[in-house]
Amino acid sequence: MRPHAFILTLALAACTHAPDPQDATDFVDTRALIPDLVVEMRYAGHENFVGRPITGYDAPVCLLTQRAAAALANAQKVLGESGLGLKVFDCYRPTRAVADFAAWARDPQDQARKADYYPNVDKSQLFALGYIAERSGHSRGSTLDITLIDLTTRAEVDMGSAYDLFDTRSWPTDQTVRPAQRANRLMLQSVMTANGFRPLAEEWWHFTLNDEPFPETYFDFPVARRSISRP
């Protein structure tokens, strides 16, 4: 192999390398920073739109970059002054999990959870409508899916639609939900944006840190209790 061809091969390999856990030293288990955070990692279990644990979720752990976890801790503190708190449904998501979603979406036979998660959408349209994608910001480690809870009862605040409902009713500004439900969505959005996150127009539960430390990196290490999680 000629020298310049060898250099080009190394460069391409560097560009396509999926970071492993040793590279992701900035990730933390959010419960280490926010002990009263409620964690319900849906993709580590069976209660999700696929109906089974998703590839890459080896434990129900909410991993985030240190910067995102610190910002989330601030949001939790602000909400706590009003007797409210946060519950997380998803945090860091490995790229292998995103690939699992994509493979599921391409299988027209598997529609076991249609009635619960996409009753008004034909499964063949999930890619076209943006509900399923080949890449996810969650894989960068600073995006999470959350809702509000009452700190005393631990009950979820009524947001007008379930988490991960593939429907326009999930838009934060949807007018078909009751005013009180829309107000709850906007309260969540206000607290999160005030603490450095940006919302998604199509999902009331989805937020990404504005100043994310890995804006171009899509990690693929599994979600697990391991040495990369540190307080």
C-alpha atoms as a PDB file:
ATOM      1  CA  MET A   1       0.000   0.000   0.000  1.00  0.00           C
ATOM      2  CA  ARG A   2       1.327   3.464  -0.909  1.00  0.00           C
ATOM      3  CA  PRO A   3       2.046   5.801   2.050  1.00  0.00           C
ATOM      4  CA  HIS A   4      -0.675   8.342   1.177  1.00  0.00           C
ATOM      5  CA  ALA A   5      -3.238   5.556   0.752  1.00  0.00           C
ATOM      6  CA  PHE A   6      -2.307   4.171   4.176  1.00  0.00           C
ATOM      7  CA  ILE A   7      -2.766   7.609   5.761  1.00  0.00           C
ATOM      8  CA  LEU A   8      -6.165   7.980   4.072  1.00  0.00           C
ATOM      9  CA  THR A   9      -7.234   4.580   5.416  1.00  0.00           C
ATOM     10  CA  LEU A  10      -6.280   5.590   8.943  1.00  0.00           C
ATOM     11  CA  ALA A  11      -8.174   8.866   8.601  1.00  0.00           C
ATOM     12  CA  LEU A  12     -11.322   7.108   7.423  1.00  0.00           C
ATOM     13  CA  ALA A  13     -11.071   4.620  10.275  1.00  0.00           C
ATOM     14  CA  ALA A  14     -10.807   7.461  12.768  1.00  0.00           C
ATOM     15  CA  CYS A  15     -13.919   9.119  11.324  1.00  0.00           C
ATOM     16  CA  THR A  16     -16.050   5.999  11.487  1.00  0.00           C
ATOM     17  CA  HIS A  17     -14.854   4.649  14.862  1.00  0.00           C
ATOM     18  CA  ALA A  18     -17.718   4.410  17.358  1.00  0.00           C
ATOM     19  CA  PRO A  19     -16.394   5.593  20.750  1.00  0.00           C
ATOM     20  CA  ASP A  20     -16.187   2.910  23.412  1.00  0.00           C
ATOM     21  CA  PRO A  21     -16.726   3.357  27.167  1.00  0.00           C
ATOM     22  CA  GLN A  22     -13.098   4.306  27.746  1.00  0.00           C
ATOM     23  CA  ASP A  23     -13.632   7.334  25.518  1.00  0.00           C
ATOM     24  CA  ALA A  24     -16.795   8.426  27.349  1.00  0.00           C
ATOM     25  CA  THR A  25     -15.207   9.564  30.589  1.00  0.00           C
ATOM     26  CA  ASP A  26     -17.556  12.556  30.885  1.00  0.00           C
ATOM     27  CA  PHE A  27     -20.661  10.386  31.436  1.00  0.00           C
ATOM     28  CA  VAL A  28     -22.256  10.020  34.894  1.00  0.00           C
ATOM     29  CA  ASP A  29     -25.147   8.189  36.475  1.00  0.00           C
ATOM     30  CA  THR A  30     -27.594  11.034  37.153  1.00  0.00           C
ATOM     31  CA  ARG A  31     -28.781   9.441  40.401  1.00  0.00           C
ATOM     32  CA  ALA A  32     -25.316  10.106  41.804  1.00  0.00           C
ATOM     33  CA  LEU A  33     -25.943  13.836  41.386  1.00  0.00           C
ATOM     34  CA  ILE A  34     -29.727  13.872  41.906  1.00  0.00           C
ATOM     35  CA  PRO A  35     -30.651  11.273  44.561  1.00  0.00           C
ATOM     36  CA  ASP A  36     -34.373  12.125  44.484  1.00  0.00           C
ATOM     37  CA  LEU A  37     -34.646  11.854  40.692  1.00  0.00           C
ATOM     38  CA  VAL A  38     -37.172   9.194  39.646  1.00  0.00           C
ATOM     39  CA  VAL A  39     -35.703   6.933  36.968  1.00  0.00           C
ATOM     40  CA  GLU A  40     -37.983   4.777  34.806  1.00  0.00           C
ATOM     41  CA  MET A  41     -35.880   3.751  31.837  1.00  0.00           C
ATOM     42  CA  ARG A  42     -38.564   2.499  29.487  1.00  0.00           C
ATOM     43  CA  TYR A  43     -36.249   0.941  26.909  1.00  0.00           C
ATOM     44  CA  ALA A  44     -34.605  -1.282  29.507  1.00  0.00           C
ATOM     45  CA  GLY A  45     -37.938  -3.063  30.031  1.00  0.00           C
ATOM     46  CA  HIS A  46     -41.069  -4.106  28.171  1.00  0.00           C
ATOM     47  CA  GLU A  47     -43.206  -0.959  28.534  1.00  0.00           C
ATOM     48  CA  ASN A  48     -42.301   0.827  25.311  1.00  0.00           C
ATOM     49  CA  PHE A  49     -43.500   1.040  21.711  1.00  0.00           C
ATOM     50  CA  VAL A  50     -41.510  -2.054  20.703  1.00  0.00           C
ATOM     51  CA  GLY A  51     -42.735  -4.119  23.658  1.00  0.00           C
ATOM     52  CA  ARG A  52     -39.393  -5.575  24.791  1.00  0.00           C
ATOM     53  CA  PRO A  53     -35.995  -4.471  26.136  1.00  0.00           C
ATOM     54  CA  ILE A  54     -34.041  -2.617  23.471  1.00  0.00           C
ATOM     55  CA  THR A  55     -30.547  -3.615  22.370  1.00  0.00           C
ATOM     56  CA  GLY A  56     -27.902  -1.736  24.360  1.00  0.00           C
ATOM     57  CA  TYR A  57     -29.979  -1.175  27.492  1.00  0.00           C
ATOM     58  CA  ASP A  58     -28.300  -3.593  29.893  1.00  0.00           C
ATOM     59  CA  ALA A  59     -29.510  -1.787  33.033  1.00  0.00           C
ATOM     60  CA  PRO A  60     -32.185   0.819  33.910  1.00  0.00           C
ATOM     61  CA  VAL A  61     -29.612   3.568  34.405  1.00  0.00           C
ATOM     62  CA  CYS A  62     -29.881   7.203  33.291  1.00  0.00           C
ATOM     63  CA  LEU A  63     -26.461   8.156  31.930  1.00  0.00           C
ATOM     64  CA  LEU A  64     -25.802  11.735  30.837  1.00  0.00           C
ATOM     65  CA  THR A  65     -22.770  13.889  30.229  1.00  0.00           C
ATOM     66  CA  GLN A  66     -21.545  15.617  33.374  1.00  0.00           C
ATOM     67  CA  ARG A  67     -22.652  18.982  31.981  1.00  0.00           C
ATOM     68  CA  ALA A  68     -26.183  17.813  31.190  1.00  0.00           C
ATOM     69  CA  ALA A  69     -26.550  16.077  34.559  1.00  0.00           C
ATOM     70  CA  ALA A  70     -25.491  19.247  36.397  1.00  0.00           C
ATOM     71  CA  ALA A  71     -28.023  21.328  34.469  1.00  0.00           C
ATOM     72  CA  LEU A  72     -30.716  18.744  35.237  1.00  0.00           C
ATOM     73  CA  ALA A  73     -29.835  18.927  38.937  1.00  0.00           C
ATOM     74  CA  ASN A  74     -30.454  22.676  38.820  1.00  0.00           C
ATOM     75  CA  ALA A  75     -33.853  22.141  37.192  1.00  0.00           C
ATOM     76  CA  GLN A  76     -34.778  19.595  39.866  1.00  0.00           C
ATOM     77  CA  LYS A  77     -33.792  22.051  42.594  1.00  0.00           C
ATOM     78  CA  VAL A  78     -35.986  24.806  41.135  1.00  0.00           C
ATOM     79  CA  LEU A  79     -38.969  22.479  40.813  1.00  0.00           C
ATOM     80  CA  GLY A  80     -38.473  21.181  44.342  1.00  0.00           C
ATOM     81  CA  GLU A  81     -39.269  24.633  45.721  1.00  0.00           C
ATOM     82  CA  SER A  82     -42.806  24.129  44.366  1.00  0.00           C
ATOM     83  CA  GLY A  83     -43.166  20.530  45.523  1.00  0.00           C
ATOM     84  CA  LEU A  84     -42.467  19.128  42.077  1.00  0.00           C
ATOM     85  CA  GLY A  85     -39.713  16.974  40.644  1.00  0.00           C
ATOM     86  CA  LEU A  86     -38.612  15.099  37.563  1.00  0.00           C
ATOM     87  CA  LYS A  87     -38.969  11.561  36.269  1.00  0.00           C
ATOM     88  CA  VAL A  88     -36.734  10.426  33.392  1.00  0.00           C
ATOM     89  CA  PHE A  89     -37.843   7.903  30.772  1.00  0.00           C
ATOM     90  CA  ASP A  90     -34.699   7.908  28.637  1.00  0.00           C
ATOM     91  CA  CYS A  91     -31.270   9.515  28.713  1.00  0.00           C
ATOM     92  CA  TYR A  92     -28.152   8.445  26.811  1.00  0.00           C
ATOM     93  CA  ARG A  93     -29.128   5.995  24.043  1.00  0.00           C
ATOM     94  CA  PRO A  94     -26.512   3.826  22.296  1.00  0.00           C
ATOM     95  CA  THR A  95     -26.466   3.890  18.502  1.00  0.00           C
ATOM     96  CA  ARG A  96     -27.104   0.140  18.564  1.00  0.00           C
ATOM     97  CA  ALA A  97     -30.445   0.905  20.239  1.00  0.00           C
ATOM     98  CA  VAL A  98     -31.297   3.394  17.499  1.00  0.00           C
ATOM     99  CA  ALA A  99     -30.511   0.681  14.948  1.00  0.00           C
ATOM    100  CA  ASP A 100     -32.813  -1.680  16.855  1.00  0.00           C
ATOM    101  CA  PHE A 101     -35.630   0.877  16.587  1.00  0.00           C
ATOM    102  CA  ALA A 102     -35.004   1.239  12.852  1.00  0.00           C
ATOM    103  CA  ALA A 103     -35.050  -2.527  12.287  1.00  0.00           C
ATOM    104  CA  TRP A 104     -38.320  -2.802  14.219  1.00  0.00           C
ATOM    105  CA  ALA A 105     -39.868   0.032  12.199  1.00  0.00           C
ATOM    106  CA  ARG A 106     -39.068  -1.812   8.956  1.00  0.00           C
ATOM    107  CA  ASP A 107     -40.910  -4.947  10.116  1.00  0.00           C
ATOM    108  CA  PRO A 108     -44.594  -4.502   9.182  1.00  0.00           C
ATOM    109  CA  GLN A 109     -45.591  -7.673  11.038  1.00  0.00           C
ATOM    110  CA  ASP A 110     -44.562  -6.470  14.507  1.00  0.00           C
ATOM    111  CA  GLN A 111     -47.314  -4.107  15.654  1.00  0.00           C
ATOM    112  CA  ALA A 112     -48.045  -5.510  19.101  1.00  0.00           C
ATOM    113  CA  ARG A 113     -48.036  -2.068  20.799  1.00  0.00           C
ATOM    114  CA  LYS A 114     -49.789  -0.093  18.069  1.00  0.00           C
ATOM    115  CA  ALA A 115     -52.930   0.578  20.119  1.00  0.00           C
ATOM    116  CA  ASP A 116     -50.876   2.114  22.920  1.00  0.00           C
ATOM    117  CA  TYR A 117     -48.181   4.070  21.085  1.00  0.00           C
ATOM    118  CA  TYR A 118     -49.194   4.792  17.478  1.00  0.00           C
ATOM    119  CA  PRO A 119     -52.956   4.160  17.155  1.00  0.00           C
ATOM    120  CA  ASN A 120     -53.482   6.826  14.495  1.00  0.00           C
ATOM    121  CA  VAL A 121     -50.298   6.316  12.466  1.00  0.00           C
ATOM    122  CA  ASP A 122     -49.577   3.622   9.901  1.00  0.00           C
ATOM    123  CA  LYS A 123     -46.324   1.928  10.889  1.00  0.00           C
ATOM    124  CA  SER A 124     -45.022   2.288   7.325  1.00  0.00           C
ATOM    125  CA  GLN A 125     -45.019   6.070   7.842  1.00  0.00           C
ATOM    126  CA  LEU A 126     -42.932   6.183  11.025  1.00  0.00           C
ATOM    127  CA  PHE A 127     -39.741   7.205   9.181  1.00  0.00           C
ATOM    128  CA  ALA A 128     -41.470   9.690   6.874  1.00  0.00           C
ATOM    129  CA  LEU A 129     -43.226  11.409   9.785  1.00  0.00           C
ATOM    130  CA  GLY A 130     -40.031  11.603  11.832  1.00  0.00           C
ATOM    131  CA  TYR A 131     -41.062   9.331  14.693  1.00  0.00           C
ATOM    132  CA  ILE A 132     -38.192   6.940  13.935  1.00  0.00           C
ATOM    133  CA  ALA A 133     -34.800   8.079  12.583  1.00  0.00           C
ATOM    134  CA  GLU A 134     -31.462   6.524  11.669  1.00  0.00           C
ATOM    135  CA  ARG A 135     -29.707   8.769  14.205  1.00  0.00           C
ATOM    136  CA  SER A 136     -30.721  10.199  17.562  1.00  0.00           C
ATOM    137  CA  GLY A 137     -29.442  13.128  19.579  1.00  0.00           C
ATOM    138  CA  HIS A 138     -29.777  10.872  22.633  1.00  0.00           C
ATOM    139  CA  SER A 139     -26.624   9.081  21.452  1.00  0.00           C
ATOM    140  CA  ARG A 140     -24.612  12.249  22.075  1.00  0.00           C
ATOM    141  CA  GLY A 141     -25.333  11.961  25.795  1.00  0.00           C
ATOM    142  CA  SER A 142     -26.972  15.315  26.517  1.00  0.00           C
ATOM    143  CA  THR A 143     -30.570  14.634  25.497  1.00  0.00           C
ATOM    144  CA  LEU A 144     -33.220  13.171  27.765  1.00  0.00           C
ATOM    145  CA  ASP A 145     -36.958  12.406  27.951  1.00  0.00           C
ATOM    146  CA  ILE A 146     -38.673  13.548  31.156  1.00  0.00           C
ATOM    147  CA  THR A 147     -41.916  14.471  32.856  1.00  0.00           C
ATOM    148  CA  LEU A 148     -43.006  16.237  36.034  1.00  0.00           C
ATOM    149  CA  ILE A 149     -44.007  14.464  39.242  1.00  0.00           C
ATOM    150  CA  ASP A 150     -45.483  15.428  42.601  1.00  0.00           C
ATOM    151  CA  LEU A 151     -42.598  14.977  45.045  1.00  0.00           C
ATOM    152  CA  THR A 152     -44.893  13.869  47.864  1.00  0.00           C
ATOM    153  CA  THR A 153     -46.924  11.225  46.029  1.00  0.00           C
ATOM    154  CA  ARG A 154     -44.417  10.471  43.231  1.00  0.00           C
ATOM    155  CA  ALA A 155     -47.407  10.586  40.852  1.00  0.00           C
ATOM    156  CA  GLU A 156     -46.843  11.934  37.343  1.00  0.00           C
ATOM    157  CA  VAL A 157     -48.336  15.325  36.541  1.00  0.00           C
ATOM    158  CA  ASP A 158     -51.044  15.125  33.854  1.00  0.00           C
ATOM    159  CA  MET A 159     -49.511  16.092  30.518  1.00  0.00           C
ATOM    160  CA  GLY A 160     -52.505  15.168  28.376  1.00  0.00           C
ATOM    161  CA  SER A 161     -50.831  12.314  26.509  1.00  0.00           C
ATOM    162  CA  ALA A 162     -48.615   9.378  27.358  1.00  0.00           C
ATOM    163  CA  TYR A 163     -44.855   9.345  26.915  1.00  0.00           C
ATOM    164  CA  ASP A 164     -43.773   8.226  23.430  1.00  0.00           C
ATOM    165  CA  LEU A 165     -47.224   8.585  21.893  1.00  0.00           C
ATOM    166  CA  PHE A 166     -46.584   8.966  18.156  1.00  0.00           C
ATOM    167  CA  ASP A 167     -49.261  11.575  17.523  1.00  0.00           C
ATOM    168  CA  THR A 168     -49.706  15.325  17.146  1.00  0.00           C
ATOM    169  CA  ARG A 169     -51.230  15.286  20.651  1.00  0.00           C
ATOM    170  CA  SER A 170     -47.640  14.966  21.893  1.00  0.00           C
ATOM    171  CA  TRP A 171     -46.707  18.402  20.556  1.00  0.00           C
ATOM    172  CA  PRO A 172     -46.167  20.783  23.510  1.00  0.00           C
ATOM    173  CA  THR A 173     -48.541  23.332  21.971  1.00  0.00           C
ATOM    174  CA  ASP A 174     -51.239  20.894  20.831  1.00  0.00           C
ATOM    175  CA  GLN A 175     -54.651  22.497  21.288  1.00  0.00           C
ATOM    176  CA  THR A 176     -56.658  19.274  21.711  1.00  0.00           C
ATOM    177  CA  VAL A 177     -55.428  18.721  25.277  1.00  0.00           C
ATOM    178  CA  ARG A 178     -57.041  20.595  28.146  1.00  0.00           C
ATOM    179  CA  PRO A 179     -55.638  24.019  29.114  1.00  0.00           C
ATOM    180  CA  ALA A 180     -54.347  22.674  32.448  1.00  0.00           C
ATOM    181  CA  GLN A 181     -52.493  19.855  30.662  1.00  0.00           C
ATOM    182  CA  ARG A 182     -50.962  22.284  28.183  1.00  0.00           C
ATOM    183  CA  ALA A 183     -49.958  24.535  31.085  1.00  0.00           C
ATOM    184  CA  ASN A 184     -48.139  21.601  32.702  1.00  0.00           C
ATOM    185  CA  ARG A 185     -46.218  21.001  29.483  1.00  0.00           C
ATOM    186  CA  LEU A 186     -45.260  24.641  29.257  1.00  0.00           C
ATOM    187  CA  MET A 187     -44.190  24.647  32.933  1.00  0.00           C
ATOM    188  CA  LEU A 188     -41.815  21.761  32.239  1.00  0.00           C
ATOM    189  CA  GLN A 189     -40.529  23.507  29.133  1.00  0.00           C
ATOM    190  CA  SER A 190     -40.030  26.804  30.986  1.00  0.00           C
ATOM    191  CA  VAL A 191     -37.961  25.227  33.768  1.00  0.00           C
ATOM    192  CA  MET A 192     -35.851  23.200  31.365  1.00  0.00           C
ATOM    193  CA  THR A 193     -35.140  26.104  28.998  1.00  0.00           C
ATOM    194  CA  ALA A 194     -34.257  28.324  31.960  1.00  0.00           C
ATOM    195  CA  ASN A 195     -31.628  25.736  32.900  1.00  0.00           C
ATOM    196  CA  GLY A 196     -29.966  25.473  29.514  1.00  0.00           C
ATOM    197  CA  PHE A 197     -32.039  22.929  27.583  1.00  0.00           C
ATOM    198  CA  ARG A 198     -33.933  23.334  24.324  1.00  0.00           C
ATOM    199  CA  PRO A 199     -37.264  21.611  23.677  1.00  0.00           C
ATOM    200  CA  LEU A 200     -38.502  19.672  20.656  1.00  0.00           C
ATOM    201  CA  ALA A 201     -41.599  20.960  18.871  1.00  0.00           C
ATOM    202  CA  GLU A 202     -43.055  17.471  18.390  1.00  0.00           C
ATOM    203  CA  GLU A 203     -42.491  15.919  21.855  1.00  0.00           C
ATOM    204  CA  TRP A 204     -43.361  17.594  25.156  1.00  0.00           C
ATOM    205  CA  TRP A 205     -40.936  15.262  27.027  1.00  0.00           C
ATOM    206  CA  HIS A 206     -37.776  15.745  24.899  1.00  0.00           C
ATOM    207  CA  PHE A 207     -34.958  18.172  25.814  1.00  0.00           C
ATOM    208  CA  THR A 208     -31.356  18.675  24.668  1.00  0.00           C
ATOM    209  CA  LEU A 209     -28.642  20.661  26.448  1.00  0.00           C
ATOM    210  CA  ASN A 210     -27.790  23.772  24.420  1.00  0.00           C
ATOM    211  CA  ASP A 211     -24.084  23.648  25.213  1.00  0.00           C
ATOM    212  CA  GLU A 212     -23.678  19.888  24.784  1.00  0.00           C
ATOM    213  CA  PRO A 213     -20.051  18.721  25.004  1.00  0.00           C
ATOM    214  CA  PHE A 214     -20.255  16.154  22.172  1.00  0.00           C
ATOM    215  CA  PRO A 215     -22.395  17.815  19.449  1.00  0.00           C
ATOM    216  CA  GLU A 216     -20.973  15.647  16.656  1.00  0.00           C
ATOM    217  CA  THR A 217     -20.274  12.360  18.467  1.00  0.00           C
ATOM    218  CA  TYR A 218     -22.715   9.436  18.532  1.00  0.00           C
ATOM    219  CA  PHE A 219     -21.653   6.970  21.223  1.00  0.00           C
ATOM    220  CA  ASP A 220     -22.386   3.244  21.211  1.00  0.00           C
ATOM    221  CA  PHE A 221     -21.338   1.852  24.586  1.00  0.00           C
ATOM    222  CA  PRO A 222     -24.207   0.029  26.364  1.00  0.00           C
ATOM    223  CA  VAL A 223     -26.285   1.551  29.138  1.00  0.00           C
ATOM    224  CA  ALA A 224     -24.986  -0.271  32.193  1.00  0.00           C
ATOM    225  CA  ARG A 225     -23.720   0.158  35.724  1.00  0.00           C
ATOM    226  CA  ARG A 226     -20.018   0.359  35.065  1.00  0.00           C
ATOM    227  CA  SER A 227     -16.879   2.356  35.754  1.00  0.00           C
ATOM    228  CA  ILE A 228     -17.800   5.260  33.482  1.00  0.00           C
ATOM    229  CA  SER A 229     -20.501   6.317  35.931  1.00  0.00           C
ATOM    230  CA  ARG A 230     -19.029   8.516  38.638  1.00  0.00           C
ATOM    231  CA  PRO A 231     -20.355  11.167  41.044  1.00  0.00           C
END
